[in-house]
Amino acid sequence: LVISPSNKTLDQIAMKHALDLPRSIRSFVYGSGAMKRGGAGVL
């Protein structure tokens, strides 16, 4: 029996809370594109 996330992608949820990350980590990953839609998987 497999139970896994439905309805929403976890990337979308993470993007909504991106600013909750400490400023130092946001700065650390910003250049990689993690703060943008296509790279939110890292978040």
PDB file of all heavy atoms in Angstrom:
ATOM      1  N   LEU A   1       0.860  -1.179   0.000  1.00  0.00           N
ATOM      2  CA  LEU A   1       0.000   0.000   0.000  1.00  0.00           C
ATOM      3  C   LEU A   1       0.899   1.232   0.000  1.00  0.00           C
ATOM      4  O   LEU A   1       1.739   1.396   0.894  1.00  0.00           O
ATOM      5  CB  LEU A   1      -0.914   0.022   1.233  1.00  0.00           C
ATOM      6  CG  LEU A   1      -1.843   1.239   1.350  1.00  0.00           C
ATOM      7  CD1 LEU A   1      -2.811   1.301   0.170  1.00  0.00           C
ATOM      8  CD2 LEU A   1      -2.601   1.219   2.673  1.00  0.00           C
ATOM      9  N   VAL A   2       0.730   2.073  -0.995  1.00  0.00           N
ATOM     10  CA  VAL A   2       1.565   3.269  -1.145  1.00  0.00           C
ATOM     11  C   VAL A   2       0.733   4.512  -0.862  1.00  0.00           C
ATOM     12  O   VAL A   2      -0.365   4.672  -1.403  1.00  0.00           O
ATOM     13  CB  VAL A   2       2.155   3.365  -2.566  1.00  0.00           C
ATOM     14  CG1 VAL A   2       3.048   4.601  -2.691  1.00  0.00           C
ATOM     15  CG2 VAL A   2       2.941   2.103  -2.905  1.00  0.00           C
ATOM     16  N   ILE A   3       1.247   5.374  -0.010  1.00  0.00           N
ATOM     17  CA  ILE A   3       0.610   6.660   0.263  1.00  0.00           C
ATOM     18  C   ILE A   3       1.626   7.749  -0.048  1.00  0.00           C
ATOM     19  O   ILE A   3       2.714   7.781   0.532  1.00  0.00           O
ATOM     20  CB  ILE A   3       0.149   6.768   1.727  1.00  0.00           C
ATOM     21  CG1 ILE A   3      -0.807   5.620   2.065  1.00  0.00           C
ATOM     22  CG2 ILE A   3      -0.537   8.116   1.967  1.00  0.00           C
ATOM     23  CD1 ILE A   3      -1.220   5.588   3.516  1.00  0.00           C
ATOM     24  N   SER A   4       1.288   8.616  -0.965  1.00  0.00           N
ATOM     25  CA  SER A   4       2.204   9.682  -1.365  1.00  0.00           C
ATOM     26  C   SER A   4       1.416  10.949  -1.676  1.00  0.00           C
ATOM     27  O   SER A   4       0.194  10.902  -1.858  1.00  0.00           O
ATOM     28  CB  SER A   4       3.038   9.245  -2.578  1.00  0.00           C
ATOM     29  OG  SER A   4       2.200   8.813  -3.630  1.00  0.00           O
ATOM     30  N   PRO A   5       2.086  12.097  -1.731  1.00  0.00           N
ATOM     31  CA  PRO A   5       1.394  13.377  -1.883  1.00  0.00           C
ATOM     32  C   PRO A   5       0.520  13.470  -3.128  1.00  0.00           C
ATOM     33  O   PRO A   5       0.882  12.989  -4.200  1.00  0.00           O
ATOM     34  CB  PRO A   5       2.544  14.392  -1.955  1.00  0.00           C
ATOM     35  CG  PRO A   5       3.668  13.724  -1.242  1.00  0.00           C
ATOM     36  CD  PRO A   5       3.535  12.270  -1.543  1.00  0.00           C
ATOM     37  N   SER A   6      -0.633  14.090  -2.964  1.00  0.00           N
ATOM     38  CA  SER A   6      -1.555  14.305  -4.080  1.00  0.00           C
ATOM     39  C   SER A   6      -1.940  15.780  -4.139  1.00  0.00           C
ATOM     40  O   SER A   6      -1.588  16.574  -3.260  1.00  0.00           O
ATOM     41  CB  SER A   6      -2.816  13.455  -3.889  1.00  0.00           C
ATOM     42  OG  SER A   6      -3.494  13.840  -2.703  1.00  0.00           O
ATOM     43  N   ASN A   7      -2.672  16.121  -5.158  1.00  0.00           N
ATOM     44  CA  ASN A   7      -3.242  17.466  -5.339  1.00  0.00           C
ATOM     45  C   ASN A   7      -2.202  18.544  -5.628  1.00  0.00           C
ATOM     46  O   ASN A   7      -2.238  19.197  -6.649  1.00  0.00           O
ATOM     47  CB  ASN A   7      -4.078  17.891  -4.121  1.00  0.00           C
ATOM     48  CG  ASN A   7      -5.237  16.954  -3.879  1.00  0.00           C
ATOM     49  OD1 ASN A   7      -5.789  16.391  -4.815  1.00  0.00           O
ATOM     50  ND2 ASN A   7      -5.603  16.761  -2.620  1.00  0.00           N
ATOM     51  N   LYS A   8      -1.295  18.757  -4.713  1.00  0.00           N
ATOM     52  CA  LYS A   8      -0.301  19.819  -4.892  1.00  0.00           C
ATOM     53  C   LYS A   8       1.083  19.215  -5.104  1.00  0.00           C
ATOM     54  O   LYS A   8       1.385  18.151  -4.605  1.00  0.00           O
ATOM     55  CB  LYS A   8      -0.248  20.714  -3.653  1.00  0.00           C
ATOM     56  CG  LYS A   8      -1.560  21.409  -3.306  1.00  0.00           C
ATOM     57  CD  LYS A   8      -1.368  22.232  -2.040  1.00  0.00           C
ATOM     58  CE  LYS A   8      -2.647  22.940  -1.643  1.00  0.00           C
ATOM     59  NZ  LYS A   8      -2.479  23.723  -0.388  1.00  0.00           N
ATOM     60  N   THR A   9       1.911  19.909  -5.847  1.00  0.00           N
ATOM     61  CA  THR A   9       3.303  19.498  -5.912  1.00  0.00           C
ATOM     62  C   THR A   9       4.017  20.111  -4.715  1.00  0.00           C
ATOM     63  O   THR A   9       3.730  21.241  -4.306  1.00  0.00           O
ATOM     64  CB  THR A   9       3.981  19.958  -7.208  1.00  0.00           C
ATOM     65  OG1 THR A   9       4.080  21.377  -7.198  1.00  0.00           O
ATOM     66  CG2 THR A   9       3.185  19.509  -8.429  1.00  0.00           C
ATOM     67  N   LEU A  10       4.936  19.376  -4.149  1.00  0.00           N
ATOM     68  CA  LEU A  10       5.660  19.872  -2.980  1.00  0.00           C
ATOM     69  C   LEU A  10       6.532  21.070  -3.337  1.00  0.00           C
ATOM     70  O   LEU A  10       6.818  21.916  -2.485  1.00  0.00           O
ATOM     71  CB  LEU A  10       6.500  18.748  -2.385  1.00  0.00           C
ATOM     72  CG  LEU A  10       5.731  17.485  -1.960  1.00  0.00           C
ATOM     73  CD1 LEU A  10       6.629  16.570  -1.146  1.00  0.00           C
ATOM     74  CD2 LEU A  10       4.487  17.836  -1.176  1.00  0.00           C
ATOM     75  N   ASP A  11       6.946  21.151  -4.602  1.00  0.00           N
ATOM     76  CA  ASP A  11       7.725  22.311  -5.043  1.00  0.00           C
ATOM     77  C   ASP A  11       6.904  23.593  -4.913  1.00  0.00           C
ATOM     78  O   ASP A  11       7.420  24.644  -4.503  1.00  0.00           O
ATOM     79  CB  ASP A  11       8.171  22.134  -6.496  1.00  0.00           C
ATOM     80  CG  ASP A  11       9.140  20.977  -6.672  1.00  0.00           C
ATOM     81  OD1 ASP A  11       9.414  20.283  -5.675  1.00  0.00           O
ATOM     82  OD2 ASP A  11       9.614  20.771  -7.800  1.00  0.00           O
ATOM     83  N   GLN A  12       5.615  23.506  -5.265  1.00  0.00           N
ATOM     84  CA  GLN A  12       4.750  24.686  -5.176  1.00  0.00           C
ATOM     85  C   GLN A  12       4.573  25.125  -3.726  1.00  0.00           C
ATOM     86  O   GLN A  12       4.577  26.317  -3.423  1.00  0.00           O
ATOM     87  CB  GLN A  12       3.392  24.379  -5.803  1.00  0.00           C
ATOM     88  CG  GLN A  12       3.431  24.219  -7.315  1.00  0.00           C
ATOM     89  CD  GLN A  12       2.094  23.761  -7.870  1.00  0.00           C
ATOM     90  OE1 GLN A  12       1.249  23.230  -7.156  1.00  0.00           O
ATOM     91  NE2 GLN A  12       1.904  23.956  -9.168  1.00  0.00           N
ATOM     92  N   ILE A  13       4.399  24.151  -2.839  1.00  0.00           N
ATOM     93  CA  ILE A  13       4.254  24.471  -1.418  1.00  0.00           C
ATOM     94  C   ILE A  13       5.536  25.109  -0.900  1.00  0.00           C
ATOM     95  O   ILE A  13       5.504  26.094  -0.152  1.00  0.00           O
ATOM     96  CB  ILE A  13       3.905  23.210  -0.610  1.00  0.00           C
ATOM     97  CG1 ILE A  13       2.575  22.616  -1.089  1.00  0.00           C
ATOM     98  CG2 ILE A  13       3.828  23.531   0.879  1.00  0.00           C
ATOM     99  CD1 ILE A  13       2.218  21.303  -0.414  1.00  0.00           C
ATOM    100  N   ALA A  14       6.680  24.551  -1.306  1.00  0.00           N
ATOM    101  CA  ALA A  14       7.964  25.098  -0.863  1.00  0.00           C
ATOM    102  C   ALA A  14       8.144  26.531  -1.355  1.00  0.00           C
ATOM    103  O   ALA A  14       8.641  27.399  -0.618  1.00  0.00           O
ATOM    104  CB  ALA A  14       9.100  24.217  -1.364  1.00  0.00           C
ATOM    105  N   MET A  15       7.740  26.788  -2.593  1.00  0.00           N
ATOM    106  CA  MET A  15       7.889  28.129  -3.151  1.00  0.00           C
ATOM    107  C   MET A  15       7.088  29.141  -2.347  1.00  0.00           C
ATOM    108  O   MET A  15       7.523  30.282  -2.139  1.00  0.00           O
ATOM    109  CB  MET A  15       7.422  28.122  -4.611  1.00  0.00           C
ATOM    110  CG  MET A  15       7.905  29.313  -5.412  1.00  0.00           C
ATOM    111  SD  MET A  15       9.703  29.281  -5.619  1.00  0.00           S
ATOM    112  CE  MET A  15      10.081  31.026  -5.652  1.00  0.00           C
ATOM    113  N   LYS A  16       5.922  28.726  -1.858  1.00  0.00           N
ATOM    114  CA  LYS A  16       5.075  29.617  -1.067  1.00  0.00           C
ATOM    115  C   LYS A  16       5.739  30.019   0.244  1.00  0.00           C
ATOM    116  O   LYS A  16       5.496  31.101   0.781  1.00  0.00           O
ATOM    117  CB  LYS A  16       3.734  28.914  -0.795  1.00  0.00           C
ATOM    118  CG  LYS A  16       2.711  29.796  -0.114  1.00  0.00           C
ATOM    119  CD  LYS A  16       1.343  29.129  -0.104  1.00  0.00           C
ATOM    120  CE  LYS A  16       1.318  27.957   0.840  1.00  0.00           C
ATOM    121  NZ  LYS A  16      -0.058  27.404   1.002  1.00  0.00           N
ATOM    122  N   HIS A  17       6.605  29.130   0.764  1.00  0.00           N
ATOM    123  CA  HIS A  17       7.261  29.390   2.047  1.00  0.00           C
ATOM    124  C   HIS A  17       8.742  29.743   1.882  1.00  0.00           C
ATOM    125  O   HIS A  17       9.495  29.712   2.860  1.00  0.00           O
ATOM    126  CB  HIS A  17       7.135  28.159   2.941  1.00  0.00           C
ATOM    127  CG  HIS A  17       5.730  27.827   3.331  1.00  0.00           C
ATOM    128  ND1 HIS A  17       5.064  28.478   4.345  1.00  0.00           N
ATOM    129  CD2 HIS A  17       4.853  26.917   2.827  1.00  0.00           C
ATOM    130  CE1 HIS A  17       3.836  27.977   4.463  1.00  0.00           C
ATOM    131  NE2 HIS A  17       3.686  27.039   3.551  1.00  0.00           N
ATOM    132  N   ALA A  18       9.150  30.084   0.671  1.00  0.00           N
ATOM    133  CA  ALA A  18      10.574  30.310   0.394  1.00  0.00           C
ATOM    134  C   ALA A  18      11.191  31.378   1.293  1.00  0.00           C
ATOM    135  O   ALA A  18      12.338  31.250   1.740  1.00  0.00           O
ATOM    136  CB  ALA A  18      10.764  30.685  -1.073  1.00  0.00           C
ATOM    137  N   LEU A  19      10.433  32.418   1.588  1.00  0.00           N
ATOM    138  CA  LEU A  19      10.978  33.516   2.396  1.00  0.00           C
ATOM    139  C   LEU A  19      11.122  33.149   3.865  1.00  0.00           C
ATOM    140  O   LEU A  19      11.680  33.925   4.649  1.00  0.00           O
ATOM    141  CB  LEU A  19      10.103  34.762   2.245  1.00  0.00           C
ATOM    142  CG  LEU A  19      10.086  35.391   0.845  1.00  0.00           C
ATOM    143  CD1 LEU A  19       9.190  36.624   0.827  1.00  0.00           C
ATOM    144  CD2 LEU A  19      11.497  35.751   0.386  1.00  0.00           C
ATOM    145  N   ASP A  20      10.620  31.977   4.259  1.00  0.00           N
ATOM    146  CA  ASP A  20      10.816  31.518   5.638  1.00  0.00           C
ATOM    147  C   ASP A  20      12.250  31.054   5.880  1.00  0.00           C
ATOM    148  O   ASP A  20      12.696  30.975   7.027  1.00  0.00           O
ATOM    149  CB  ASP A  20       9.857  30.363   5.964  1.00  0.00           C
ATOM    150  CG  ASP A  20       8.403  30.810   6.015  1.00  0.00           C
ATOM    151  OD1 ASP A  20       8.171  32.031   6.097  1.00  0.00           O
ATOM    152  OD2 ASP A  20       7.510  29.949   5.969  1.00  0.00           O
ATOM    153  N   LEU A  21      12.960  30.737   4.803  1.00  0.00           N
ATOM    154  CA  LEU A  21      14.361  30.332   4.950  1.00  0.00           C
ATOM    155  C   LEU A  21      15.174  31.493   5.514  1.00  0.00           C
ATOM    156  O   LEU A  21      14.933  32.650   5.169  1.00  0.00           O
ATOM    157  CB  LEU A  21      14.939  29.929   3.593  1.00  0.00           C
ATOM    158  CG  LEU A  21      14.943  28.463   3.188  1.00  0.00           C
ATOM    159  CD1 LEU A  21      15.552  28.328   1.803  1.00  0.00           C
ATOM    160  CD2 LEU A  21      15.688  27.582   4.178  1.00  0.00           C
ATOM    161  N   PRO A  22      16.149  31.198   6.362  1.00  0.00           N
ATOM    162  CA  PRO A  22      17.034  32.267   6.848  1.00  0.00           C
ATOM    163  C   PRO A  22      17.697  32.995   5.685  1.00  0.00           C
ATOM    164  O   PRO A  22      17.989  32.400   4.649  1.00  0.00           O
ATOM    165  CB  PRO A  22      18.062  31.499   7.688  1.00  0.00           C
ATOM    166  CG  PRO A  22      17.353  30.265   8.117  1.00  0.00           C
ATOM    167  CD  PRO A  22      16.458  29.891   6.983  1.00  0.00           C
ATOM    168  N   ARG A  23      17.938  34.288   5.873  1.00  0.00           N
ATOM    169  CA  ARG A  23      18.499  35.115   4.802  1.00  0.00           C
ATOM    170  C   ARG A  23      19.827  34.558   4.281  1.00  0.00           C
ATOM    171  O   ARG A  23      20.108  34.601   3.084  1.00  0.00           O
ATOM    172  CB  ARG A  23      18.697  36.546   5.298  1.00  0.00           C
ATOM    173  CG  ARG A  23      19.173  37.515   4.224  1.00  0.00           C
ATOM    174  CD  ARG A  23      19.428  38.894   4.808  1.00  0.00           C
ATOM    175  NE  ARG A  23      18.200  39.469   5.309  1.00  0.00           N
ATOM    176  CZ  ARG A  23      17.350  40.185   4.566  1.00  0.00           C
ATOM    177  NH1 ARG A  23      17.613  40.394   3.287  1.00  0.00           N
ATOM    178  NH2 ARG A  23      16.258  40.702   5.099  1.00  0.00           N
ATOM    179  N   SER A  24      20.639  34.008   5.178  1.00  0.00           N
ATOM    180  CA  SER A  24      21.939  33.484   4.761  1.00  0.00           C
ATOM    181  C   SER A  24      21.780  32.339   3.766  1.00  0.00           C
ATOM    182  O   SER A  24      22.517  32.252   2.775  1.00  0.00           O
ATOM    183  CB  SER A  24      22.725  33.002   5.984  1.00  0.00           C
ATOM    184  OG  SER A  24      22.000  32.002   6.682  1.00  0.00           O
ATOM    185  N   ILE A  25      20.802  31.460   3.999  1.00  0.00           N
ATOM    186  CA  ILE A  25      20.591  30.321   3.102  1.00  0.00           C
ATOM    187  C   ILE A  25      19.941  30.785   1.801  1.00  0.00           C
ATOM    188  O   ILE A  25      20.285  30.289   0.719  1.00  0.00           O
ATOM    189  CB  ILE A  25      19.726  29.238   3.785  1.00  0.00           C
ATOM    190  CG1 ILE A  25      20.389  28.783   5.087  1.00  0.00           C
ATOM    191  CG2 ILE A  25      19.527  28.044   2.861  1.00  0.00           C
ATOM    192  CD1 ILE A  25      21.780  28.211   4.913  1.00  0.00           C
ATOM    193  N   ARG A  26      19.043  31.758   1.882  1.00  0.00           N
ATOM    194  CA  ARG A  26      18.447  32.301   0.655  1.00  0.00           C
ATOM    195  C   ARG A  26      19.538  32.898  -0.234  1.00  0.00           C
ATOM    196  O   ARG A  26      19.533  32.704  -1.457  1.00  0.00           O
ATOM    197  CB  ARG A  26      17.392  33.365   0.986  1.00  0.00           C
ATOM    198  CG  ARG A  26      16.191  32.840   1.745  1.00  0.00           C
ATOM    199  CD  ARG A  26      14.963  33.721   1.534  1.00  0.00           C
ATOM    200  NE  ARG A  26      15.197  35.128   1.809  1.00  0.00           N
ATOM    201  CZ  ARG A  26      15.013  35.708   2.996  1.00  0.00           C
ATOM    202  NH1 ARG A  26      14.609  34.967   4.034  1.00  0.00           N
ATOM    203  NH2 ARG A  26      15.219  36.991   3.174  1.00  0.00           N
ATOM    204  N   SER A  27      20.455  33.617   0.381  1.00  0.00           N
ATOM    205  CA  SER A  27      21.559  34.201  -0.384  1.00  0.00           C
ATOM    206  C   SER A  27      22.456  33.115  -0.958  1.00  0.00           C
ATOM    207  O   SER A  27      22.956  33.231  -2.087  1.00  0.00           O
ATOM    208  CB  SER A  27      22.380  35.135   0.514  1.00  0.00           C
ATOM    209  OG  SER A  27      21.577  36.168   1.050  1.00  0.00           O
ATOM    210  N   PHE A  28      22.639  32.058  -0.181  1.00  0.00           N
ATOM    211  CA  PHE A  28      23.521  30.957  -0.572  1.00  0.00           C
ATOM    212  C   PHE A  28      22.997  30.238  -1.817  1.00  0.00           C
ATOM    213  O   PHE A  28      23.772  29.839  -2.692  1.00  0.00           O
ATOM    214  CB  PHE A  28      23.638  29.983   0.602  1.00  0.00           C
ATOM    215  CG  PHE A  28      24.553  28.828   0.364  1.00  0.00           C
ATOM    216  CD1 PHE A  28      25.919  29.000   0.231  1.00  0.00           C
ATOM    217  CD2 PHE A  28      24.052  27.534   0.282  1.00  0.00           C
ATOM    218  CE1 PHE A  28      26.764  27.924   0.017  1.00  0.00           C
ATOM    219  CE2 PHE A  28      24.888  26.453   0.071  1.00  0.00           C
ATOM    220  CZ  PHE A  28      26.249  26.657  -0.057  1.00  0.00           C
ATOM    221  N   VAL A  29      21.660  30.071  -1.913  1.00  0.00           N
ATOM    222  CA  VAL A  29      21.080  29.302  -3.018  1.00  0.00           C
ATOM    223  C   VAL A  29      20.509  30.183  -4.123  1.00  0.00           C
ATOM    224  O   VAL A  29      20.083  29.672  -5.167  1.00  0.00           O
ATOM    225  CB  VAL A  29      19.974  28.346  -2.504  1.00  0.00           C
ATOM    226  CG1 VAL A  29      20.533  27.396  -1.464  1.00  0.00           C
ATOM    227  CG2 VAL A  29      18.778  29.120  -1.936  1.00  0.00           C
ATOM    228  N   TYR A  30      20.502  31.503  -3.915  1.00  0.00           N
ATOM    229  CA  TYR A  30      19.838  32.395  -4.869  1.00  0.00           C
ATOM    230  C   TYR A  30      20.421  32.270  -6.276  1.00  0.00           C
ATOM    231  O   TYR A  30      19.694  32.155  -7.267  1.00  0.00           O
ATOM    232  CB  TYR A  30      19.933  33.844  -4.389  1.00  0.00           C
ATOM    233  CG  TYR A  30      19.219  34.822  -5.292  1.00  0.00           C
ATOM    234  CD1 TYR A  30      17.851  35.015  -5.191  1.00  0.00           C
ATOM    235  CD2 TYR A  30      19.930  35.540  -6.263  1.00  0.00           C
ATOM    236  CE1 TYR A  30      17.181  35.904  -6.028  1.00  0.00           C
ATOM    237  CE2 TYR A  30      19.274  36.424  -7.114  1.00  0.00           C
ATOM    238  CZ  TYR A  30      17.902  36.596  -6.989  1.00  0.00           C
ATOM    239  OH  TYR A  30      17.248  37.463  -7.822  1.00  0.00           O
ATOM    240  N   GLY A  31      21.717  32.302  -6.381  1.00  0.00           N
ATOM    241  CA  GLY A  31      22.360  32.247  -7.687  1.00  0.00           C
ATOM    242  C   GLY A  31      22.110  30.963  -8.451  1.00  0.00           C
ATOM    243  O   GLY A  31      22.220  30.932  -9.683  1.00  0.00           O
ATOM    244  N   SER A  32      21.747  29.906  -7.730  1.00  0.00           N
ATOM    245  CA  SER A  32      21.504  28.616  -8.385  1.00  0.00           C
ATOM    246  C   SER A  32      20.136  28.555  -9.054  1.00  0.00           C
ATOM    247  O   SER A  32      19.855  27.629  -9.814  1.00  0.00           O
ATOM    248  CB  SER A  32      21.599  27.489  -7.360  1.00  0.00           C
ATOM    249  OG  SER A  32      20.501  27.538  -6.452  1.00  0.00           O
ATOM    250  N   GLY A  33      19.277  29.539  -8.747  1.00  0.00           N
ATOM    251  CA  GLY A  33      17.931  29.533  -9.303  1.00  0.00           C
ATOM    252  C   GLY A  33      16.914  28.855  -8.407  1.00  0.00           C
ATOM    253  O   GLY A  33      15.760  28.653  -8.801  1.00  0.00           O
ATOM    254  N   ALA A  34      17.302  28.520  -7.171  1.00  0.00           N
ATOM    255  CA  ALA A  34      16.406  27.814  -6.258  1.00  0.00           C
ATOM    256  C   ALA A  34      15.230  28.657  -5.813  1.00  0.00           C
ATOM    257  O   ALA A  34      14.196  28.118  -5.413  1.00  0.00           O
ATOM    258  CB  ALA A  34      17.182  27.326  -5.035  1.00  0.00           C
ATOM    259  N   MET A  35      15.359  29.981  -5.876  1.00  0.00           N
ATOM    260  CA  MET A  35      14.279  30.860  -5.433  1.00  0.00           C
ATOM    261  C   MET A  35      13.291  31.154  -6.555  1.00  0.00           C
ATOM    262  O   MET A  35      12.343  31.911  -6.372  1.00  0.00           O
ATOM    263  CB  MET A  35      14.853  32.170  -4.890  1.00  0.00           C
ATOM    264  CG  MET A  35      15.813  32.002  -3.721  1.00  0.00           C
ATOM    265  SD  MET A  35      15.032  31.247  -2.281  1.00  0.00           S
ATOM    266  CE  MET A  35      13.943  32.575  -1.759  1.00  0.00           C
ATOM    267  N   LYS A  36      13.510  30.537  -7.707  1.00  0.00           N
ATOM    268  CA  LYS A  36      12.596  30.708  -8.835  1.00  0.00           C
ATOM    269  C   LYS A  36      11.783  29.434  -9.034  1.00  0.00           C
ATOM    270  O   LYS A  36      12.126  28.369  -8.539  1.00  0.00           O
ATOM    271  CB  LYS A  36      13.386  31.045 -10.102  1.00  0.00           C
ATOM    272  CG  LYS A  36      14.189  32.346  -9.990  1.00  0.00           C
ATOM    273  CD  LYS A  36      14.977  32.617 -11.247  1.00  0.00           C
ATOM    274  CE  LYS A  36      15.784  33.911 -11.123  1.00  0.00           C
ATOM    275  NZ  LYS A  36      16.600  34.186 -12.330  1.00  0.00           N
ATOM    276  N   ARG A  37      10.715  29.544  -9.794  1.00  0.00           N
ATOM    277  CA  ARG A  37       9.752  28.463  -9.947  1.00  0.00           C
ATOM    278  C   ARG A  37      10.401  27.151 -10.392  1.00  0.00           C
ATOM    279  O   ARG A  37      10.136  26.094  -9.839  1.00  0.00           O
ATOM    280  CB  ARG A  37       8.677  28.883 -10.957  1.00  0.00           C
ATOM    281  CG  ARG A  37       7.623  27.820 -11.216  1.00  0.00           C
ATOM    282  CD  ARG A  37       6.540  28.357 -12.133  1.00  0.00           C
ATOM    283  NE  ARG A  37       5.614  27.300 -12.526  1.00  0.00           N
ATOM    284  CZ  ARG A  37       5.764  26.529 -13.592  1.00  0.00           C
ATOM    285  NH1 ARG A  37       6.826  26.709 -14.372  1.00  0.00           N
ATOM    286  NH2 ARG A  37       4.889  25.598 -13.891  1.00  0.00           N
ATOM    287  N   GLY A  38      11.267  27.196 -11.360  1.00  0.00           N
ATOM    288  CA  GLY A  38      11.841  25.966 -11.904  1.00  0.00           C
ATOM    289  C   GLY A  38      12.806  25.262 -10.971  1.00  0.00           C
ATOM    290  O   GLY A  38      13.072  24.073 -11.136  1.00  0.00           O
ATOM    291  N   GLY A  39      13.345  25.993  -9.985  1.00  0.00           N
ATOM    292  CA  GLY A  39      14.339  25.388  -9.104  1.00  0.00           C
ATOM    293  C   GLY A  39      13.872  25.168  -7.693  1.00  0.00           C
ATOM    294  O   GLY A  39      14.671  24.869  -6.802  1.00  0.00           O
ATOM    295  N   ALA A  40      12.562  25.308  -7.457  1.00  0.00           N
ATOM    296  CA  ALA A  40      12.037  25.220  -6.095  1.00  0.00           C
ATOM    297  C   ALA A  40      12.154  23.831  -5.497  1.00  0.00           C
ATOM    298  O   ALA A  40      11.973  23.659  -4.294  1.00  0.00           O
ATOM    299  CB  ALA A  40      10.573  25.673  -6.068  1.00  0.00           C
ATOM    300  N   GLY A  41      12.470  22.850  -6.329  1.00  0.00           N
ATOM    301  CA  GLY A  41      12.638  21.497  -5.808  1.00  0.00           C
ATOM    302  C   GLY A  41      13.718  21.425  -4.738  1.00  0.00           C
ATOM    303  O   GLY A  41      13.598  20.674  -3.765  1.00  0.00           O
ATOM    304  N   VAL A  42      14.771  22.213  -4.906  1.00  0.00           N
ATOM    305  CA  VAL A  42      15.840  22.251  -3.908  1.00  0.00           C
ATOM    306  C   VAL A  42      15.295  22.754  -2.578  1.00  0.00           C
ATOM    307  O   VAL A  42      15.617  22.216  -1.513  1.00  0.00           O
ATOM    308  CB  VAL A  42      17.000  23.148  -4.390  1.00  0.00           C
ATOM    309  CG1 VAL A  42      18.012  23.376  -3.268  1.00  0.00           C
ATOM    310  CG2 VAL A  42      17.691  22.527  -5.595  1.00  0.00           C
ATOM    311  N   LEU A  43      14.440  23.781  -2.628  1.00  0.00           N
ATOM    312  CA  LEU A  43      13.852  24.318  -1.407  1.00  0.00           C
ATOM    313  C   LEU A  43      13.022  23.267  -0.683  1.00  0.00           C
ATOM    314  O   LEU A  43      13.014  23.211   0.547  1.00  0.00           O
ATOM    315  CB  LEU A  43      12.965  25.525  -1.727  1.00  0.00           C
ATOM    316  CG  LEU A  43      13.634  26.767  -2.317  1.00  0.00           C
ATOM    317  CD1 LEU A  43      12.603  27.868  -2.494  1.00  0.00           C
ATOM    318  CD2 LEU A  43      14.781  27.239  -1.433  1.00  0.00           C
TER     319      LEU A  43
END
